[in-house]
N, C-alpha and C. Protein backbone atom coordinates (compact mmCIF):
# COMPACT_ATOMS: atom_id res chain seq x y z
N MET A 1 108.66 148.54 106.10
CA MET A 1 107.72 147.70 105.11
C MET A 1 107.98 146.18 105.46
N PRO A 2 107.22 145.20 105.50
CA PRO A 2 107.33 143.69 105.97
C PRO A 2 108.45 143.19 105.12
N ARG A 3 109.58 142.40 105.23
CA ARG A 3 110.25 141.66 104.17
C ARG A 3 109.14 140.76 103.23
N ARG A 4 109.41 140.33 102.22
CA ARG A 4 108.94 140.02 101.25
C ARG A 4 109.54 138.77 100.61
N ASN A 5 109.22 137.35 101.42
CA ASN A 5 110.02 136.00 101.02
C ASN A 5 109.61 135.57 99.57
N ARG A 6 108.54 135.71 99.12
CA ARG A 6 108.58 135.11 97.86
C ARG A 6 108.99 135.77 96.53
N PRO A 7 109.45 135.17 95.76
CA PRO A 7 110.08 136.19 94.65
C PRO A 7 109.24 136.54 93.67
N HIS A 8 108.98 137.98 93.43
CA HIS A 8 108.04 138.92 92.68
C HIS A 8 108.20 138.25 91.12
N ARG A 9 106.57 138.01 90.54
CA ARG A 9 106.84 137.11 89.11
C ARG A 9 105.88 138.39 88.73
N ALA A 10 106.39 137.94 87.27
CA ALA A 10 105.60 138.56 86.31
C ALA A 10 104.10 138.81 86.23
N LYS A 11 103.51 139.52 86.19
CA LYS A 11 101.76 139.62 85.69
C LYS A 11 101.62 138.23 84.92
N GLY A 12 100.94 137.20 84.95
CA GLY A 12 100.64 135.94 84.26
C GLY A 12 101.49 134.99 84.14
N TYR A 13 102.20 135.23 85.22
CA TYR A 13 103.77 133.97 85.22
C TYR A 13 103.14 132.70 85.72
N ARG A 14 103.26 131.44 85.35
CA ARG A 14 102.57 130.58 85.73
C ARG A 14 103.74 129.21 85.97
N ALA A 15 104.28 128.73 86.94
CA ALA A 15 104.94 127.86 86.99
C ALA A 15 105.15 126.30 86.24
N ASP A 16 105.52 126.05 85.48
CA ASP A 16 105.71 124.63 85.14
C ASP A 16 105.12 123.17 86.07
N THR A 17 104.05 122.82 86.04
CA THR A 17 103.62 121.44 86.72
C THR A 17 103.69 120.26 85.69
N SER A 18 103.60 120.35 84.48
CA SER A 18 103.16 119.11 83.54
C SER A 18 103.99 117.80 84.12
N HIS A 19 105.00 118.06 84.95
CA HIS A 19 105.50 117.09 85.19
C HIS A 19 105.11 115.93 86.40
N ARG A 20 104.39 116.81 87.21
CA ARG A 20 103.28 115.98 88.16
C ARG A 20 102.66 115.03 87.93
N GLY A 21 102.65 113.96 88.57
CA GLY A 21 101.30 112.61 87.94
C GLY A 21 101.83 112.19 86.92
N SER A 22 103.11 112.43 86.13
CA SER A 22 103.50 111.62 84.90
C SER A 22 103.86 110.59 85.57
N GLY A 23 104.66 110.13 86.27
CA GLY A 23 104.63 108.74 86.84
C GLY A 23 106.62 108.79 86.68
N THR A 24 107.16 109.82 85.92
CA THR A 24 108.45 109.79 85.68
C THR A 24 109.31 110.25 86.94
N SER A 25 108.49 110.47 88.22
CA SER A 25 109.35 110.96 89.19
C SER A 25 110.70 109.85 90.01
N TYR A 26 109.93 108.17 89.55
CA TYR A 26 111.07 107.31 90.13
C TYR A 26 112.29 107.52 89.36
N GLY A 27 113.56 107.08 90.15
CA GLY A 27 114.62 107.36 89.14
C GLY A 27 114.88 105.85 88.46
N ALA A 28 115.74 106.14 87.67
CA ALA A 28 115.98 105.43 86.31
C ALA A 28 116.41 104.07 86.98
N SER A 29 116.39 102.77 86.35
CA SER A 29 116.47 101.48 86.42
C SER A 29 117.79 101.39 85.60
N ARG A 30 118.76 100.93 86.68
CA ARG A 30 120.22 100.40 86.22
C ARG A 30 120.52 98.90 86.82
N VAL A 31 121.20 98.63 85.92
CA VAL A 31 122.00 97.47 86.23
C VAL A 31 123.23 97.13 87.18
N GLU A 32 123.09 96.30 88.12
CA GLU A 32 124.43 96.20 89.51
C GLU A 32 125.02 94.93 88.97
N HIS A 33 126.01 94.75 88.98
CA HIS A 33 126.91 93.55 88.68
C HIS A 33 127.52 92.82 90.12
N GLY A 34 127.31 92.16 90.63
CA GLY A 34 127.60 91.70 91.90
C GLY A 34 127.75 90.14 92.14
N PRO A 35 128.73 89.59 93.13
CA PRO A 35 128.81 88.24 93.79
C PRO A 35 127.82 87.50 92.96
N ASP A 36 126.42 87.81 93.75
CA ASP A 36 124.86 87.55 93.72
C ASP A 36 124.10 87.44 92.29
N GLY A 37 125.33 88.14 91.11
CA GLY A 37 124.23 88.14 89.90
C GLY A 37 124.25 89.77 89.60
N ASP A 38 123.85 89.71 88.82
CA ASP A 38 123.74 90.93 87.97
C ASP A 38 122.30 91.43 88.26
N TRP A 39 121.73 92.68 88.93
CA TRP A 39 120.68 92.97 89.12
C TRP A 39 119.91 94.33 88.80
N MET A 40 118.70 94.38 88.53
CA MET A 40 118.33 95.68 87.98
C MET A 40 117.80 96.26 89.25
N VAL A 41 118.02 97.97 89.17
CA VAL A 41 118.24 98.71 90.57
C VAL A 41 117.54 99.84 90.26
N ARG A 42 116.44 100.05 91.01
CA ARG A 42 115.83 101.20 90.82
C ARG A 42 115.51 102.11 92.17
N THR A 43 115.55 103.46 91.80
CA THR A 43 115.62 103.92 93.78
C THR A 43 114.39 104.80 93.72
N VAL A 44 113.88 104.28 94.67
CA VAL A 44 112.27 104.93 94.97
C VAL A 44 112.91 106.22 95.81
N PRO A 45 112.37 107.76 95.65
CA PRO A 45 112.69 108.71 96.50
C PRO A 45 111.73 108.49 97.51
N GLY A 46 111.86 108.98 98.61
CA GLY A 46 111.09 109.17 99.84
C GLY A 46 109.30 109.70 99.40
N SER A 47 109.78 110.96 98.52
CA SER A 47 108.14 111.53 98.22
C SER A 47 107.12 110.51 97.43
N GLN A 48 107.87 109.40 96.83
CA GLN A 48 107.41 108.79 95.99
C GLN A 48 106.86 107.25 96.77
N ALA A 49 107.49 107.03 98.02
CA ALA A 49 107.33 105.61 99.00
C ALA A 49 105.68 105.86 99.59
N THR A 50 105.20 105.36 99.60
CA THR A 50 103.72 105.27 100.01
C THR A 50 102.63 104.41 100.58
N LYS A 51 103.80 103.40 100.43
CA LYS A 51 103.28 101.81 101.31
C LYS A 51 104.40 101.41 102.27
N PHE A 52 103.87 100.71 103.10
CA PHE A 52 104.91 99.59 104.14
C PHE A 52 105.44 98.85 103.13
N TYR A 53 106.86 98.10 103.27
CA TYR A 53 107.44 97.15 102.56
C TYR A 53 108.08 96.65 103.80
N ARG A 54 108.83 95.13 103.63
CA ARG A 54 109.74 94.51 104.34
C ARG A 54 110.98 94.48 103.84
N CYS A 55 111.97 94.91 104.47
CA CYS A 55 112.97 94.80 103.62
C CYS A 55 114.24 93.29 104.17
N PRO A 56 114.54 92.54 103.02
CA PRO A 56 114.93 91.36 102.90
C PRO A 56 116.20 91.35 103.81
N GLY A 57 117.11 92.30 103.42
CA GLY A 57 118.06 92.28 104.30
C GLY A 57 118.16 92.44 105.85
N CYS A 58 117.15 93.02 106.31
CA CYS A 58 117.30 93.39 107.74
C CYS A 58 116.16 92.72 108.63
N ASP A 59 114.89 92.33 107.70
CA ASP A 59 113.38 92.17 107.83
C ASP A 59 112.82 93.54 109.05
N HIS A 60 113.60 94.55 108.65
CA HIS A 60 112.51 95.62 109.44
C HIS A 60 111.50 96.45 108.15
N GLU A 61 110.70 97.19 108.81
CA GLU A 61 109.81 97.93 108.01
C GLU A 61 110.62 99.16 106.76
N ILE A 62 110.13 99.26 105.57
CA ILE A 62 110.46 100.18 105.16
C ILE A 62 108.93 101.07 105.28
N ARG A 63 109.12 102.47 106.03
CA ARG A 63 107.39 103.01 105.90
C ARG A 63 107.57 104.22 104.85
N PRO A 64 106.46 104.08 104.64
CA PRO A 64 106.05 105.72 103.66
C PRO A 64 106.78 106.58 103.88
N GLY A 65 107.10 107.17 102.83
CA GLY A 65 108.20 108.37 102.99
C GLY A 65 109.61 108.59 102.88
N MET A 66 109.96 106.99 103.23
CA MET A 66 111.77 106.44 103.25
C MET A 66 112.27 105.95 101.96
N ALA A 67 113.08 106.87 101.49
CA ALA A 67 113.87 106.81 100.13
C ALA A 67 114.21 104.74 100.44
N HIS A 68 114.40 104.19 99.49
CA HIS A 68 114.80 103.03 99.51
C HIS A 68 114.92 102.42 98.08
N VAL A 69 115.57 101.25 97.57
CA VAL A 69 115.80 100.80 96.35
C VAL A 69 114.82 99.46 96.23
N VAL A 70 114.69 99.47 94.92
CA VAL A 70 113.77 98.19 94.38
C VAL A 70 114.63 97.28 93.64
N ALA A 71 115.11 96.20 93.96
CA ALA A 71 115.84 95.41 93.00
C ALA A 71 115.15 94.20 92.51
N TRP A 72 115.28 93.53 91.89
CA TRP A 72 115.21 92.34 90.91
C TRP A 72 115.81 91.70 90.23
N PRO A 73 116.24 89.93 89.99
CA PRO A 73 117.50 89.53 89.01
C PRO A 73 117.45 90.13 87.32
N GLU A 74 117.98 90.55 86.84
CA GLU A 74 118.46 91.09 85.48
C GLU A 74 117.43 90.25 84.72
N VAL A 75 117.55 88.81 84.94
CA VAL A 75 117.06 87.81 84.04
C VAL A 75 115.87 87.67 84.75
N GLU A 76 114.75 88.32 84.82
CA GLU A 76 113.43 88.05 85.18
C GLU A 76 112.49 87.03 84.80
N LEU A 77 112.67 86.10 85.45
CA LEU A 77 112.19 84.58 85.02
C LEU A 77 110.40 85.00 86.01
N GLY A 78 110.62 85.32 87.16
CA GLY A 78 109.29 85.42 87.96
C GLY A 78 108.51 87.04 88.27
N GLY A 79 109.02 87.41 87.28
CA GLY A 79 108.17 88.47 86.75
C GLY A 79 108.50 89.50 88.20
N VAL A 80 106.80 90.29 88.42
CA VAL A 80 106.76 91.27 89.32
C VAL A 80 107.25 90.59 90.86
N ASP A 81 106.98 89.10 90.68
CA ASP A 81 106.97 88.27 92.34
C ASP A 81 108.66 88.32 92.61
N GLU A 82 109.60 88.87 91.68
CA GLU A 82 111.36 88.77 92.17
C GLU A 82 111.17 90.27 92.85
N ARG A 83 110.51 91.52 92.61
CA ARG A 83 110.93 92.56 92.87
C ARG A 83 111.23 92.42 94.50
N ARG A 84 112.28 92.90 94.88
CA ARG A 84 112.19 93.62 96.70
C ARG A 84 112.46 94.84 97.15
N HIS A 85 111.96 95.17 97.95
CA HIS A 85 112.09 96.46 98.51
C HIS A 85 113.53 96.53 99.32
N TRP A 86 114.42 97.23 99.10
CA TRP A 86 115.57 97.28 100.07
C TRP A 86 115.64 98.92 101.08
N HIS A 87 115.98 98.76 101.90
CA HIS A 87 116.82 100.01 102.92
C HIS A 87 118.11 100.26 102.16
N ASN A 88 118.60 101.76 101.62
CA ASN A 88 119.79 101.53 100.63
C ASN A 88 120.90 100.74 101.50
N GLY A 89 121.05 101.31 102.81
CA GLY A 89 121.81 100.56 103.11
C GLY A 89 122.52 99.07 103.46
N CYS A 90 120.73 98.25 103.39
CA CYS A 90 121.11 96.89 103.54
C CYS A 90 121.32 96.66 101.96
N TRP A 91 121.12 97.26 101.11
CA TRP A 91 121.15 96.97 99.44
C TRP A 91 122.47 96.68 99.21
N ASN A 92 123.56 98.18 99.96
CA ASN A 92 124.65 97.78 99.60
C ASN A 92 125.49 96.85 100.23
N ALA A 93 125.10 96.48 101.42
CA ALA A 93 126.07 95.47 102.32
C ALA A 93 125.47 94.05 101.88
N ARG A 94 124.52 93.86 101.13
CA ARG A 94 124.16 92.37 100.84
C ARG A 94 124.91 91.58 100.73
N SER A 95 126.40 91.80 100.52
CA SER A 95 127.18 90.51 99.84
C SER A 95 128.06 90.42 101.05
N ARG A 96 127.71 91.14 102.06
CA ARG A 96 128.85 90.90 103.67
C ARG A 96 127.37 90.36 104.90
N ARG A 97 126.04 90.81 104.42
CA ARG A 97 125.10 89.70 105.09
C ARG A 97 124.05 88.82 104.62
N GLY A 98 123.64 89.21 103.34
CA GLY A 98 122.78 88.22 102.46
C GLY A 98 121.43 88.66 103.08
N PRO A 99 120.32 88.23 102.23
CA PRO A 99 118.93 88.21 102.76
C PRO A 99 118.89 87.27 104.57
N THR A 100 117.59 87.77 104.96
CA THR A 100 117.70 87.05 106.11
C THR A 100 117.03 85.88 105.70
N ARG A 101 116.84 84.89 106.78
CA ARG A 101 116.53 83.70 106.51
C ARG A 101 114.92 83.80 106.00
N ARG A 102 114.25 84.24 106.14
CA ARG A 102 112.85 84.43 105.69
C ARG A 102 112.86 84.84 104.15
N TRP A 103 113.58 85.40 103.45
CA TRP A 103 113.60 85.45 102.09
C TRP A 103 115.14 84.89 101.25
N SER A 104 115.83 84.12 102.08
CA SER A 104 116.52 82.57 101.20
C SER A 104 115.79 81.69 101.07
């Protein structure tokens, strides 16, 4: 008899898919305090990253499907224009390197 890879479900069983497409898949925003000020930071999982962005830490692309963070000043005076998408490693190393010349 062939091996059965899928678990056997009871008749009428249906997986709960109500969370799909609701926009709640993004990570929660948190405040990070650093020498460069207070920042609101949100984690973006790779499955939700659908566009190309340019990281201000290394000036390289963040490709679709790559997990990264979005950060903006906690006291947001500039609105959406102040948000920046960073590679995780670049965000963690920003106190040692800072943004590239293009973003300063």
